[in-house]
Amino acid sequence: MTHTRIQDLAENMGVSRTTVWKALNNKGGISEALRKKILKQAEQEGIIPPSKAAEGEIHHRKSFAVAVSRMESSVFWMNIINYIAVELSRHDVDLVYTYLPSSLESGYRLPGTFDGVSGVIVLNVYDAPLLKLLSDLPCPKVFLDTVPEMPYSALNGDLVLIEGREAIREITLNLIGRGLTTLGFVGDPYYALTNKDRLLGFKDALLEKNIPFDPKFSFIKPINASLYYEETREFISSLDALPDAFVCASDFVAHCIVRALTETNRKLSESFTVTGFDNSTEFENISGKITTCDVQTHSIGRRLANRILYLSEFPDSAREVSYILSKVIIREK
């Protein structure tokens, strides 16, 4: 059964792909007469065996797909996937890993592994055209984060976000309270909605304390993911003077900043500070040393798993946008 064949069947019968998916997966929301009509047509087109159509419904073991962009995903993402797998295993369902490119290439089509699954969890996908392809899948979907230019409604699924606006506001206010008032933000706000939220939290704190935002100390342009360190180093090298602190969108970004400062031999004041987000243990130069946010990957994985399980049972339920809070960890010198 392929994505194209399901689309063709839907077009031939004048119904949506979601309706076809419901019929093939024995879901509610359609009449029994229409279900049997779709199953009969699916049998004639060789999409399902004749015995299945005769039964009038399809019984099968549930399976879910996790769609992940880039196979070299970090420990952060792999931890989330692991907790998704652990939670779904408790419900005796199958889990299929599907790796996607980082951006949509000409002629690319989604893998056939998405056909017939009971739901899809989307992680680490930050390309609008690719997200659009995924949003068009007829089965229930849960997305962890999205790109800023893609509105919630366009995802055609639930959206889970790691709250960062208030957390970064708290981190920035802490810096200001310590007398560090010349501040810069580093992170691509065009890459992810969560990055944009974190930049807004940074600006919220400055506005609250009547401190003007100075763009020369911030690196907030679109950044090539594969050249992140190189572009960060170029930014650091371009500064005649450093701010009192850099507030970074993630621990990975903070790692790049600290590495660039070290390798360019920049002279740092005793109070100079870099902050991050994620509380990652991957980067030795910052792990356990900087102010950050403790993102609970186990909570995120379990939340995603349980939400897709719910949606597979109630595919017509109202779409949901939810935020998972993280604890701010203040580490002062």
C-alpha atoms as a PDB file:
ATOM      1  CA  MET A   1       0.000   0.000   0.000  1.00  0.00           C
ATOM      2  CA  THR A   2       1.580   3.293  -1.049  1.00  0.00           C
ATOM      3  CA  HIS A   3       0.840   6.912  -0.304  1.00  0.00           C
ATOM      4  CA  THR A   4       0.139   7.484  -4.036  1.00  0.00           C
ATOM      5  CA  ARG A   5      -2.327   4.584  -4.273  1.00  0.00           C
ATOM      6  CA  ILE A   6      -4.274   5.866  -1.284  1.00  0.00           C
ATOM      7  CA  GLN A   7      -4.395   9.318  -2.896  1.00  0.00           C
ATOM      8  CA  ASP A   8      -5.596   7.823  -6.191  1.00  0.00           C
ATOM      9  CA  LEU A   9      -8.281   5.796  -4.401  1.00  0.00           C
ATOM     10  CA  ALA A  10      -9.495   8.902  -2.575  1.00  0.00           C
ATOM     11  CA  GLU A  11      -9.663  10.906  -5.808  1.00  0.00           C
ATOM     12  CA  ASN A  12     -11.454   8.118  -7.680  1.00  0.00           C
ATOM     13  CA  MET A  13     -14.123   7.916  -4.985  1.00  0.00           C
ATOM     14  CA  GLY A  14     -14.425  11.654  -4.415  1.00  0.00           C
ATOM     15  CA  VAL A  15     -13.456  11.472  -0.726  1.00  0.00           C
ATOM     16  CA  SER A  16     -10.495  12.718   1.322  1.00  0.00           C
ATOM     17  CA  ARG A  17      -7.407  10.681   2.113  1.00  0.00           C
ATOM     18  CA  THR A  18      -8.380  10.926   5.770  1.00  0.00           C
ATOM     19  CA  THR A  19     -11.675   9.205   4.998  1.00  0.00           C
ATOM     20  CA  VAL A  20      -9.835   6.434   3.138  1.00  0.00           C
ATOM     21  CA  TRP A  21      -7.412   6.087   6.038  1.00  0.00           C
ATOM     22  CA  LYS A  22     -10.310   5.752   8.491  1.00  0.00           C
ATOM     23  CA  ALA A  23     -11.917   3.054   6.360  1.00  0.00           C
ATOM     24  CA  LEU A  24      -8.708   1.065   5.976  1.00  0.00           C
ATOM     25  CA  ASN A  25      -7.930   1.353   9.691  1.00  0.00           C
ATOM     26  CA  ASN A  26     -11.466   0.721  10.974  1.00  0.00           C
ATOM     27  CA  LYS A  27     -11.813   4.166  12.563  1.00  0.00           C
ATOM     28  CA  GLY A  28     -14.971   6.048  13.421  1.00  0.00           C
ATOM     29  CA  GLY A  29     -16.231   9.206  11.789  1.00  0.00           C
ATOM     30  CA  ILE A  30     -17.594   7.638   8.591  1.00  0.00           C
ATOM     31  CA  SER A  31     -20.730   5.653   7.857  1.00  0.00           C
ATOM     32  CA  GLU A  32     -20.576   1.867   7.670  1.00  0.00           C
ATOM     33  CA  ALA A  33     -21.931   2.013   4.132  1.00  0.00           C
ATOM     34  CA  LEU A  34     -19.111   4.301   2.993  1.00  0.00           C
ATOM     35  CA  ARG A  35     -16.532   2.194   4.808  1.00  0.00           C
ATOM     36  CA  LYS A  36     -17.639  -0.956   2.980  1.00  0.00           C
ATOM     37  CA  LYS A  37     -17.733   0.907  -0.330  1.00  0.00           C
ATOM     38  CA  ILE A  38     -14.143   2.096   0.165  1.00  0.00           C
ATOM     39  CA  LEU A  39     -12.989  -1.375   1.223  1.00  0.00           C
ATOM     40  CA  LYS A  40     -14.619  -2.926  -1.824  1.00  0.00           C
ATOM     41  CA  GLN A  41     -12.937  -0.413  -4.133  1.00  0.00           C
ATOM     42  CA  ALA A  42      -9.621  -0.952  -2.336  1.00  0.00           C
ATOM     43  CA  GLU A  43      -9.994  -4.698  -2.970  1.00  0.00           C
ATOM     44  CA  GLN A  44     -10.695  -4.129  -6.666  1.00  0.00           C
ATOM     45  CA  GLU A  45      -7.592  -1.952  -6.973  1.00  0.00           C
ATOM     46  CA  GLY A  46      -5.441  -4.513  -5.178  1.00  0.00           C
ATOM     47  CA  ILE A  47      -4.726  -2.288  -2.198  1.00  0.00           C
ATOM     48  CA  ILE A  48      -6.081  -4.843   0.320  1.00  0.00           C
ATOM     49  CA  PRO A  49      -6.655  -8.613   0.094  1.00  0.00           C
ATOM     50  CA  PRO A  50     -10.171  -9.774  -0.832  1.00  0.00           C
ATOM     51  CA  SER A  51     -10.663 -11.416   2.569  1.00  0.00           C
ATOM     52  CA  LYS A  52     -10.233  -8.063   4.314  1.00  0.00           C
ATOM     53  CA  ALA A  53     -12.891  -6.384   2.220  1.00  0.00           C
ATOM     54  CA  ALA A  54     -15.293  -9.257   2.830  1.00  0.00           C
ATOM     55  CA  GLU A  55     -14.903  -8.816   6.568  1.00  0.00           C
ATOM     56  CA  GLY A  56     -15.997  -5.200   6.249  1.00  0.00           C
ATOM     57  CA  GLU A  57     -13.206  -4.003   8.503  1.00  0.00           C
ATOM     58  CA  ILE A  58      -9.485  -4.411   9.034  1.00  0.00           C
ATOM     59  CA  HIS A  59      -7.988  -5.649  12.260  1.00  0.00           C
ATOM     60  CA  HIS A  60      -4.256  -5.267  12.641  1.00  0.00           C
ATOM     61  CA  ARG A  61      -1.614  -4.600  15.220  1.00  0.00           C
ATOM     62  CA  LYS A  62      -1.132  -0.882  15.648  1.00  0.00           C
ATOM     63  CA  SER A  63       2.070   0.683  14.432  1.00  0.00           C
ATOM     64  CA  PHE A  64       3.386   4.226  14.726  1.00  0.00           C
ATOM     65  CA  ALA A  65       6.136   6.040  12.861  1.00  0.00           C
ATOM     66  CA  VAL A  66       8.674   8.476  14.277  1.00  0.00           C
ATOM     67  CA  ALA A  67       9.870  10.844  11.552  1.00  0.00           C
ATOM     68  CA  VAL A  68      13.303  12.306  12.277  1.00  0.00           C
ATOM     69  CA  SER A  69      15.306  14.647  10.086  1.00  0.00           C
ATOM     70  CA  ARG A  70      18.989  13.749   9.735  1.00  0.00           C
ATOM     71  CA  MET A  71      20.391  10.439  10.929  1.00  0.00           C
ATOM     72  CA  GLU A  72      23.136  12.150  12.941  1.00  0.00           C
ATOM     73  CA  SER A  73      20.604  13.391  15.482  1.00  0.00           C
ATOM     74  CA  SER A  74      22.121  14.479  18.800  1.00  0.00           C
ATOM     75  CA  VAL A  75      21.827  12.755  22.150  1.00  0.00           C
ATOM     76  CA  PHE A  76      19.007  15.199  22.962  1.00  0.00           C
ATOM     77  CA  TRP A  77      16.839  13.881  20.120  1.00  0.00           C
ATOM     78  CA  MET A  78      17.841  10.251  20.591  1.00  0.00           C
ATOM     79  CA  ASN A  79      16.833  10.435  24.263  1.00  0.00           C
ATOM     80  CA  ILE A  80      13.375  11.631  23.255  1.00  0.00           C
ATOM     81  CA  ILE A  81      13.051   8.824  20.696  1.00  0.00           C
ATOM     82  CA  ASN A  82      14.128   6.282  23.307  1.00  0.00           C
ATOM     83  CA  TYR A  83      11.459   7.427  25.755  1.00  0.00           C
ATOM     84  CA  ILE A  84       8.837   7.357  22.984  1.00  0.00           C
ATOM     85  CA  ALA A  85       9.810   3.744  22.263  1.00  0.00           C
ATOM     86  CA  VAL A  86       9.717   2.792  25.939  1.00  0.00           C
ATOM     87  CA  GLU A  87       6.258   4.309  26.420  1.00  0.00           C
ATOM     88  CA  LEU A  88       4.778   2.792  23.271  1.00  0.00           C
ATOM     89  CA  SER A  89       6.190  -0.638  24.164  1.00  0.00           C
ATOM     90  CA  ARG A  90       4.027  -0.557  27.277  1.00  0.00           C
ATOM     91  CA  HIS A  91       1.004  -0.513  24.977  1.00  0.00           C
ATOM     92  CA  ASP A  92       2.192  -3.417  22.802  1.00  0.00           C
ATOM     93  CA  VAL A  93       2.419  -1.452  19.564  1.00  0.00           C
ATOM     94  CA  ASP A  94       5.057  -1.347  16.837  1.00  0.00           C
ATOM     95  CA  LEU A  95       7.342   1.629  16.262  1.00  0.00           C
ATOM     96  CA  VAL A  96       9.012   2.427  12.940  1.00  0.00           C
ATOM     97  CA  TYR A  97      11.892   4.908  12.633  1.00  0.00           C
ATOM     98  CA  THR A  98      11.795   6.913   9.417  1.00  0.00           C
ATOM     99  CA  TYR A  99      14.704   9.221   8.633  1.00  0.00           C
ATOM    100  CA  LEU A 100      14.040  12.223   6.403  1.00  0.00           C
ATOM    101  CA  PRO A 101      16.351  14.694   4.667  1.00  0.00           C
ATOM    102  CA  SER A 102      17.008  18.050   6.322  1.00  0.00           C
ATOM    103  CA  SER A 103      15.217  19.837   3.466  1.00  0.00           C
ATOM    104  CA  LEU A 104      12.866  18.908   0.645  1.00  0.00           C
ATOM    105  CA  GLU A 105      14.679  17.984  -2.530  1.00  0.00           C
ATOM    106  CA  SER A 106      13.219  18.087  -6.040  1.00  0.00           C
ATOM    107  CA  GLY A 107      11.161  14.972  -6.745  1.00  0.00           C
ATOM    108  CA  TYR A 108      11.323  13.728  -3.158  1.00  0.00           C
ATOM    109  CA  ARG A 109       8.396  11.618  -1.962  1.00  0.00           C
ATOM    110  CA  LEU A 110       7.705  10.439   1.545  1.00  0.00           C
ATOM    111  CA  PRO A 111       8.704   6.831   2.270  1.00  0.00           C
ATOM    112  CA  GLY A 112       6.070   4.131   2.088  1.00  0.00           C
ATOM    113  CA  THR A 113       6.593   3.379   5.786  1.00  0.00           C
ATOM    114  CA  PHE A 114       3.970   6.043   6.536  1.00  0.00           C
ATOM    115  CA  ASP A 115       1.239   4.091   4.744  1.00  0.00           C
ATOM    116  CA  GLY A 116      -1.083   2.220   7.045  1.00  0.00           C
ATOM    117  CA  VAL A 117       0.436   3.466  10.315  1.00  0.00           C
ATOM    118  CA  SER A 118      -1.891   4.538  13.103  1.00  0.00           C
ATOM    119  CA  GLY A 119      -0.059   7.815  13.639  1.00  0.00           C
ATOM    120  CA  VAL A 120       3.169   9.749  13.123  1.00  0.00           C
ATOM    121  CA  ILE A 121       5.365  11.646  15.601  1.00  0.00           C
ATOM    122  CA  VAL A 122       7.498  14.305  13.891  1.00  0.00           C
ATOM    123  CA  LEU A 123      10.824  15.342  15.469  1.00  0.00           C
ATOM    124  CA  ASN A 124      13.688  17.606  14.417  1.00  0.00           C
ATOM    125  CA  VAL A 125      12.080  18.566  11.093  1.00  0.00           C
ATOM    126  CA  TYR A 126      12.619  22.263  10.383  1.00  0.00           C
ATOM    127  CA  ASP A 127      11.874  22.615   6.676  1.00  0.00           C
ATOM    128  CA  ALA A 128       8.494  24.141   5.740  1.00  0.00           C
ATOM    129  CA  PRO A 129       7.981  22.205   2.452  1.00  0.00           C
ATOM    130  CA  LEU A 130       8.843  18.920   4.197  1.00  0.00           C
ATOM    131  CA  LEU A 131       6.507  19.753   7.082  1.00  0.00           C
ATOM    132  CA  LYS A 132       3.792  20.465   4.506  1.00  0.00           C
ATOM    133  CA  LEU A 133       4.233  16.969   3.036  1.00  0.00           C
ATOM    134  CA  LEU A 134       3.974  15.443   6.499  1.00  0.00           C
ATOM    135  CA  SER A 135       0.936  17.555   7.386  1.00  0.00           C
ATOM    136  CA  ASP A 136      -0.859  16.137   4.344  1.00  0.00           C
ATOM    137  CA  LEU A 137      -0.613  12.565   5.648  1.00  0.00           C
ATOM    138  CA  PRO A 138      -4.148  11.345   6.432  1.00  0.00           C
ATOM    139  CA  CYS A 139      -3.273   9.743   9.781  1.00  0.00           C
ATOM    140  CA  PRO A 140      -3.033  11.548  13.158  1.00  0.00           C
ATOM    141  CA  LYS A 141       0.202  13.453  13.760  1.00  0.00           C
ATOM    142  CA  VAL A 142       2.026  15.066  16.661  1.00  0.00           C
ATOM    143  CA  PHE A 143       4.791  17.577  15.932  1.00  0.00           C
ATOM    144  CA  LEU A 144       7.514  18.573  18.372  1.00  0.00           C
ATOM    145  CA  ASP A 145       8.239  22.175  17.375  1.00  0.00           C
ATOM    146  CA  THR A 146       7.789  23.710  13.924  1.00  0.00           C
ATOM    147  CA  VAL A 147       9.111  26.540  11.774  1.00  0.00           C
ATOM    148  CA  PRO A 148       7.903  30.099  12.464  1.00  0.00           C
ATOM    149  CA  GLU A 149       6.361  30.616   9.019  1.00  0.00           C
ATOM    150  CA  MET A 150       4.081  27.576   9.315  1.00  0.00           C
ATOM    151  CA  PRO A 151       0.970  28.385  11.390  1.00  0.00           C
ATOM    152  CA  TYR A 152      -0.432  25.841  13.827  1.00  0.00           C
ATOM    153  CA  SER A 153      -3.483  25.210  11.648  1.00  0.00           C
ATOM    154  CA  ALA A 154      -1.327  24.275   8.640  1.00  0.00           C
ATOM    155  CA  LEU A 155       0.249  21.350  10.503  1.00  0.00           C
ATOM    156  CA  ASN A 156      -3.023  19.389  10.569  1.00  0.00           C
ATOM    157  CA  GLY A 157      -1.921  17.781  13.805  1.00  0.00           C
ATOM    158  CA  ASP A 158      -1.067  18.442  17.438  1.00  0.00           C
ATOM    159  CA  LEU A 159       1.916  20.627  18.299  1.00  0.00           C
ATOM    160  CA  VAL A 160       4.098  20.251  21.393  1.00  0.00           C
ATOM    161  CA  LEU A 161       6.537  23.051  22.218  1.00  0.00           C
ATOM    162  CA  ILE A 162       9.309  23.393  24.786  1.00  0.00           C
ATOM    163  CA  GLU A 163       8.497  26.638  26.584  1.00  0.00           C
ATOM    164  CA  GLY A 164      11.377  29.067  26.258  1.00  0.00           C
ATOM    165  CA  ARG A 165      10.097  32.627  26.249  1.00  0.00           C
ATOM    166  CA  GLU A 166       9.553  32.866  30.001  1.00  0.00           C
ATOM    167  CA  ALA A 167      12.621  30.743  30.754  1.00  0.00           C
ATOM    168  CA  ILE A 168      14.966  32.965  28.729  1.00  0.00           C
ATOM    169  CA  ARG A 169      13.323  36.046  30.227  1.00  0.00           C
ATOM    170  CA  GLU A 170      14.197  34.676  33.682  1.00  0.00           C
ATOM    171  CA  ILE A 171      17.788  33.928  32.646  1.00  0.00           C
ATOM    172  CA  THR A 172      18.216  37.394  31.129  1.00  0.00           C
ATOM    173  CA  LEU A 173      16.753  39.140  34.184  1.00  0.00           C
ATOM    174  CA  ASN A 174      19.213  37.211  36.352  1.00  0.00           C
ATOM    175  CA  LEU A 175      22.113  38.519  34.261  1.00  0.00           C
ATOM    176  CA  ILE A 176      20.816  42.071  34.477  1.00  0.00           C
ATOM    177  CA  GLY A 177      20.404  41.691  38.239  1.00  0.00           C
ATOM    178  CA  ARG A 178      24.084  40.781  38.449  1.00  0.00           C
ATOM    179  CA  GLY A 179      25.007  44.032  36.715  1.00  0.00           C
ATOM    180  CA  LEU A 180      25.527  42.549  33.241  1.00  0.00           C
ATOM    181  CA  THR A 181      23.563  44.951  31.066  1.00  0.00           C
ATOM    182  CA  THR A 182      25.303  44.845  27.684  1.00  0.00           C
ATOM    183  CA  LEU A 183      23.812  41.655  26.332  1.00  0.00           C
ATOM    184  CA  GLY A 184      23.682  39.773  23.049  1.00  0.00           C
ATOM    185  CA  PHE A 185      21.476  36.916  21.832  1.00  0.00           C
ATOM    186  CA  VAL A 186      22.806  34.130  19.609  1.00  0.00           C
ATOM    187  CA  GLY A 187      20.488  31.754  17.777  1.00  0.00           C
ATOM    188  CA  ASP A 188      18.566  31.512  14.508  1.00  0.00           C
ATOM    189  CA  PRO A 189      14.963  32.668  15.181  1.00  0.00           C
ATOM    190  CA  TYR A 190      13.966  31.689  11.626  1.00  0.00           C
ATOM    191  CA  TYR A 191      14.970  28.060  12.115  1.00  0.00           C
ATOM    192  CA  ALA A 192      12.499  27.019  14.826  1.00  0.00           C
ATOM    193  CA  LEU A 193       9.478  28.493  16.562  1.00  0.00           C
ATOM    194  CA  THR A 194      11.112  27.693  19.912  1.00  0.00           C
ATOM    195  CA  ASN A 195      14.162  29.767  18.928  1.00  0.00           C
ATOM    196  CA  LYS A 196      11.910  32.678  18.023  1.00  0.00           C
ATOM    197  CA  ASP A 197      10.167  32.394  21.409  1.00  0.00           C
ATOM    198  CA  ARG A 198      13.523  32.466  23.202  1.00  0.00           C
ATOM    199  CA  LEU A 199      14.564  35.623  21.365  1.00  0.00           C
ATOM    200  CA  LEU A 200      11.254  37.203  22.368  1.00  0.00           C
ATOM    201  CA  GLY A 201      11.925  36.275  26.016  1.00  0.00           C
ATOM    202  CA  PHE A 202      15.343  37.943  25.780  1.00  0.00           C
ATOM    203  CA  LYS A 203      13.758  41.119  24.409  1.00  0.00           C
ATOM    204  CA  ASP A 204      10.985  40.976  27.044  1.00  0.00           C
ATOM    205  CA  ALA A 205      13.596  41.171  29.808  1.00  0.00           C
ATOM    206  CA  LEU A 206      15.441  44.065  28.167  1.00  0.00           C
ATOM    207  CA  LEU A 207      12.188  45.980  27.726  1.00  0.00           C
ATOM    208  CA  GLU A 208      11.200  45.319  31.337  1.00  0.00           C
ATOM    209  CA  LYS A 209      14.475  46.853  32.534  1.00  0.00           C
ATOM    210  CA  ASN A 210      14.463  49.684  29.961  1.00  0.00           C
ATOM    211  CA  ILE A 211      17.621  48.393  28.293  1.00  0.00           C
ATOM    212  CA  PRO A 212      17.742  48.949  24.532  1.00  0.00           C
ATOM    213  CA  PHE A 213      18.319  45.947  22.283  1.00  0.00           C
ATOM    214  CA  ASP A 214      21.700  46.437  20.573  1.00  0.00           C
ATOM    215  CA  PRO A 215      21.712  44.354  17.350  1.00  0.00           C
ATOM    216  CA  LYS A 216      25.497  44.492  16.903  1.00  0.00           C
ATOM    217  CA  PHE A 217      25.968  42.105  19.822  1.00  0.00           C
ATOM    218  CA  SER A 218      23.362  39.611  18.582  1.00  0.00           C
ATOM    219  CA  PHE A 219      23.687  36.946  15.896  1.00  0.00           C
ATOM    220  CA  ILE A 220      20.098  36.312  14.834  1.00  0.00           C
ATOM    221  CA  LYS A 221      20.237  35.894  11.080  1.00  0.00           C
ATOM    222  CA  PRO A 222      19.478  32.597   9.289  1.00  0.00           C
ATOM    223  CA  ILE A 223      22.378  30.275  10.054  1.00  0.00           C
ATOM    224  CA  ASN A 224      23.445  27.308   7.931  1.00  0.00           C
ATOM    225  CA  ALA A 225      23.011  24.310  10.238  1.00  0.00           C
ATOM    226  CA  SER A 226      25.999  22.487   8.737  1.00  0.00           C
ATOM    227  CA  LEU A 227      28.232  25.561   9.168  1.00  0.00           C
ATOM    228  CA  TYR A 228      27.010  26.708  12.566  1.00  0.00           C
ATOM    229  CA  TYR A 229      30.387  26.830  14.258  1.00  0.00           C
ATOM    230  CA  GLU A 230      32.102  28.502  11.297  1.00  0.00           C
ATOM    231  CA  GLU A 231      29.480  31.240  11.108  1.00  0.00           C
ATOM    232  CA  THR A 232      29.524  31.713  14.879  1.00  0.00           C
ATOM    233  CA  ARG A 233      33.302  32.076  14.845  1.00  0.00           C
ATOM    234  CA  GLU A 234      33.063  34.633  12.033  1.00  0.00           C
ATOM    235  CA  PHE A 235      30.539  36.609  14.106  1.00  0.00           C
ATOM    236  CA  ILE A 236      32.811  36.576  17.165  1.00  0.00           C
ATOM    237  CA  SER A 237      35.793  37.664  15.055  1.00  0.00           C
ATOM    238  CA  SER A 238      33.805  40.589  13.633  1.00  0.00           C
ATOM    239  CA  LEU A 239      33.173  42.166  17.059  1.00  0.00           C
ATOM    240  CA  ASP A 240      35.491  44.964  18.117  1.00  0.00           C
ATOM    241  CA  ALA A 241      34.336  44.510  21.700  1.00  0.00           C
ATOM    242  CA  LEU A 242      32.378  41.822  23.511  1.00  0.00           C
ATOM    243  CA  PRO A 243      29.135  42.334  25.463  1.00  0.00           C
ATOM    244  CA  ASP A 244      28.892  41.469  29.144  1.00  0.00           C
ATOM    245  CA  ALA A 245      27.145  38.203  28.257  1.00  0.00           C
ATOM    246  CA  PHE A 246      25.743  36.126  25.416  1.00  0.00           C
ATOM    247  CA  VAL A 247      22.312  34.541  25.892  1.00  0.00           C
ATOM    248  CA  CYS A 248      22.211  31.507  23.589  1.00  0.00           C
ATOM    249  CA  ALA A 249      19.203  29.683  22.152  1.00  0.00           C
ATOM    250  CA  SER A 250      20.653  26.279  23.089  1.00  0.00           C
ATOM    251  CA  ASP A 251      23.605  24.607  24.757  1.00  0.00           C
ATOM    252  CA  PHE A 252      24.907  23.690  21.302  1.00  0.00           C
ATOM    253  CA  VAL A 253      24.992  27.381  20.395  1.00  0.00           C
ATOM    254  CA  ALA A 254      26.674  28.194  23.727  1.00  0.00           C
ATOM    255  CA  HIS A 255      29.261  25.497  22.981  1.00  0.00           C
ATOM    256  CA  CYS A 256      29.978  27.111  19.597  1.00  0.00           C
ATOM    257  CA  ILE A 257      30.349  30.550  21.210  1.00  0.00           C
ATOM    258  CA  VAL A 258      32.722  29.321  23.938  1.00  0.00           C
ATOM    259  CA  ARG A 259      34.764  27.373  21.404  1.00  0.00           C
ATOM    260  CA  ALA A 260      34.991  30.396  19.095  1.00  0.00           C
ATOM    261  CA  LEU A 261      36.055  32.662  21.978  1.00  0.00           C
ATOM    262  CA  THR A 262      38.747  30.181  22.987  1.00  0.00           C
ATOM    263  CA  GLU A 263      40.112  29.582  19.513  1.00  0.00           C
ATOM    264  CA  THR A 264      40.186  33.287  18.611  1.00  0.00           C
ATOM    265  CA  ASN A 265      41.969  34.083  21.899  1.00  0.00           C
ATOM    266  CA  ARG A 266      39.459  36.786  22.842  1.00  0.00           C
ATOM    267  CA  LYS A 267      40.268  38.483  26.129  1.00  0.00           C
ATOM    268  CA  LEU A 268      37.341  38.039  28.526  1.00  0.00           C
ATOM    269  CA  SER A 269      36.429  40.067  31.572  1.00  0.00           C
ATOM    270  CA  GLU A 270      36.132  38.219  34.869  1.00  0.00           C
ATOM    271  CA  SER A 271      32.361  38.652  34.846  1.00  0.00           C
ATOM    272  CA  PHE A 272      31.814  37.659  31.184  1.00  0.00           C
ATOM    273  CA  THR A 273      29.066  35.028  30.916  1.00  0.00           C
ATOM    274  CA  VAL A 274      27.522  32.685  28.344  1.00  0.00           C
ATOM    275  CA  THR A 275      24.165  30.991  28.967  1.00  0.00           C
ATOM    276  CA  GLY A 276      22.442  28.141  27.150  1.00  0.00           C
ATOM    277  CA  PHE A 277      19.293  26.029  27.032  1.00  0.00           C
ATOM    278  CA  ASP A 278      18.831  22.199  27.284  1.00  0.00           C
ATOM    279  CA  ASN A 279      21.309  21.325  30.098  1.00  0.00           C
ATOM    280  CA  SER A 280      23.171  19.102  27.655  1.00  0.00           C
ATOM    281  CA  THR A 281      25.997  16.817  28.749  1.00  0.00           C
ATOM    282  CA  GLU A 282      27.375  16.498  25.198  1.00  0.00           C
ATOM    283  CA  PHE A 283      29.732  19.477  25.255  1.00  0.00           C
ATOM    284  CA  GLU A 284      32.619  19.268  27.682  1.00  0.00           C
ATOM    285  CA  ASN A 285      33.493  22.962  27.462  1.00  0.00           C
ATOM    286  CA  ILE A 286      30.125  24.010  28.954  1.00  0.00           C
ATOM    287  CA  SER A 287      28.535  20.944  30.573  1.00  0.00           C
ATOM    288  CA  GLY A 288      27.646  21.717  34.182  1.00  0.00           C
ATOM    289  CA  LYS A 289      29.329  25.112  33.954  1.00  0.00           C
ATOM    290  CA  ILE A 290      26.772  27.555  32.520  1.00  0.00           C
ATOM    291  CA  THR A 291      23.297  28.809  33.314  1.00  0.00           C
ATOM    292  CA  THR A 292      20.829  26.794  31.243  1.00  0.00           C
ATOM    293  CA  CYS A 293      17.399  25.103  31.299  1.00  0.00           C
ATOM    294  CA  ASP A 294      16.891  21.484  32.296  1.00  0.00           C
ATOM    295  CA  VAL A 295      14.726  20.076  29.478  1.00  0.00           C
ATOM    296  CA  GLN A 296      13.208  16.773  30.590  1.00  0.00           C
ATOM    297  CA  THR A 297      13.529  14.549  27.529  1.00  0.00           C
ATOM    298  CA  HIS A 298      11.750  11.689  29.307  1.00  0.00           C
ATOM    299  CA  SER A 299       8.667  13.852  29.883  1.00  0.00           C
ATOM    300  CA  ILE A 300       8.682  14.984  26.261  1.00  0.00           C
ATOM    301  CA  GLY A 301       8.989  11.431  24.900  1.00  0.00           C
ATOM    302  CA  ARG A 302       6.199  10.116  27.098  1.00  0.00           C
ATOM    303  CA  ARG A 303       3.964  13.085  26.299  1.00  0.00           C
ATOM    304  CA  LEU A 304       4.403  12.582  22.557  1.00  0.00           C
ATOM    305  CA  ALA A 305       3.771   8.841  22.810  1.00  0.00           C
ATOM    306  CA  ASN A 306       0.628   9.190  24.890  1.00  0.00           C
ATOM    307  CA  ARG A 307      -0.753  11.951  22.684  1.00  0.00           C
ATOM    308  CA  ILE A 308      -0.366   9.930  19.486  1.00  0.00           C
ATOM    309  CA  LEU A 309      -1.996   6.957  21.210  1.00  0.00           C
ATOM    310  CA  TYR A 310      -4.941   9.170  22.129  1.00  0.00           C
ATOM    311  CA  LEU A 311      -5.243  10.604  18.623  1.00  0.00           C
ATOM    312  CA  SER A 312      -5.155   7.146  17.088  1.00  0.00           C
ATOM    313  CA  GLU A 313      -8.272   6.310  19.116  1.00  0.00           C
ATOM    314  CA  PHE A 314      -9.950   9.689  18.607  1.00  0.00           C
ATOM    315  CA  PRO A 315      -8.657  11.039  15.271  1.00  0.00           C
ATOM    316  CA  ASP A 316     -11.414  13.657  15.048  1.00  0.00           C
ATOM    317  CA  SER A 317     -10.590  15.315  18.373  1.00  0.00           C
ATOM    318  CA  ALA A 318      -9.748  19.020  18.365  1.00  0.00           C
ATOM    319  CA  ARG A 319      -6.135  19.827  17.572  1.00  0.00           C
ATOM    320  CA  GLU A 320      -3.993  20.798  20.564  1.00  0.00           C
ATOM    321  CA  VAL A 321      -1.017  23.110  21.133  1.00  0.00           C
ATOM    322  CA  SER A 322       0.788  22.470  24.415  1.00  0.00           C
ATOM    323  CA  TYR A 323       3.921  23.732  26.166  1.00  0.00           C
ATOM    324  CA  ILE A 324       6.300  21.681  28.293  1.00  0.00           C
ATOM    325  CA  LEU A 325       8.041  23.735  30.967  1.00  0.00           C
ATOM    326  CA  SER A 326      11.739  23.449  31.793  1.00  0.00           C
ATOM    327  CA  LYS A 327      13.484  24.328  35.040  1.00  0.00           C
ATOM    328  CA  VAL A 328      15.984  27.199  34.859  1.00  0.00           C
ATOM    329  CA  ILE A 329      19.370  26.277  36.352  1.00  0.00           C
ATOM    330  CA  ILE A 330      21.326  29.340  37.461  1.00  0.00           C
ATOM    331  CA  ARG A 331      25.063  28.808  37.688  1.00  0.00           C
ATOM    332  CA  GLU A 332      26.968  31.896  38.739  1.00  0.00           C
ATOM    333  CA  LYS A 333      30.744  32.222  38.682  1.00  0.00           C
END
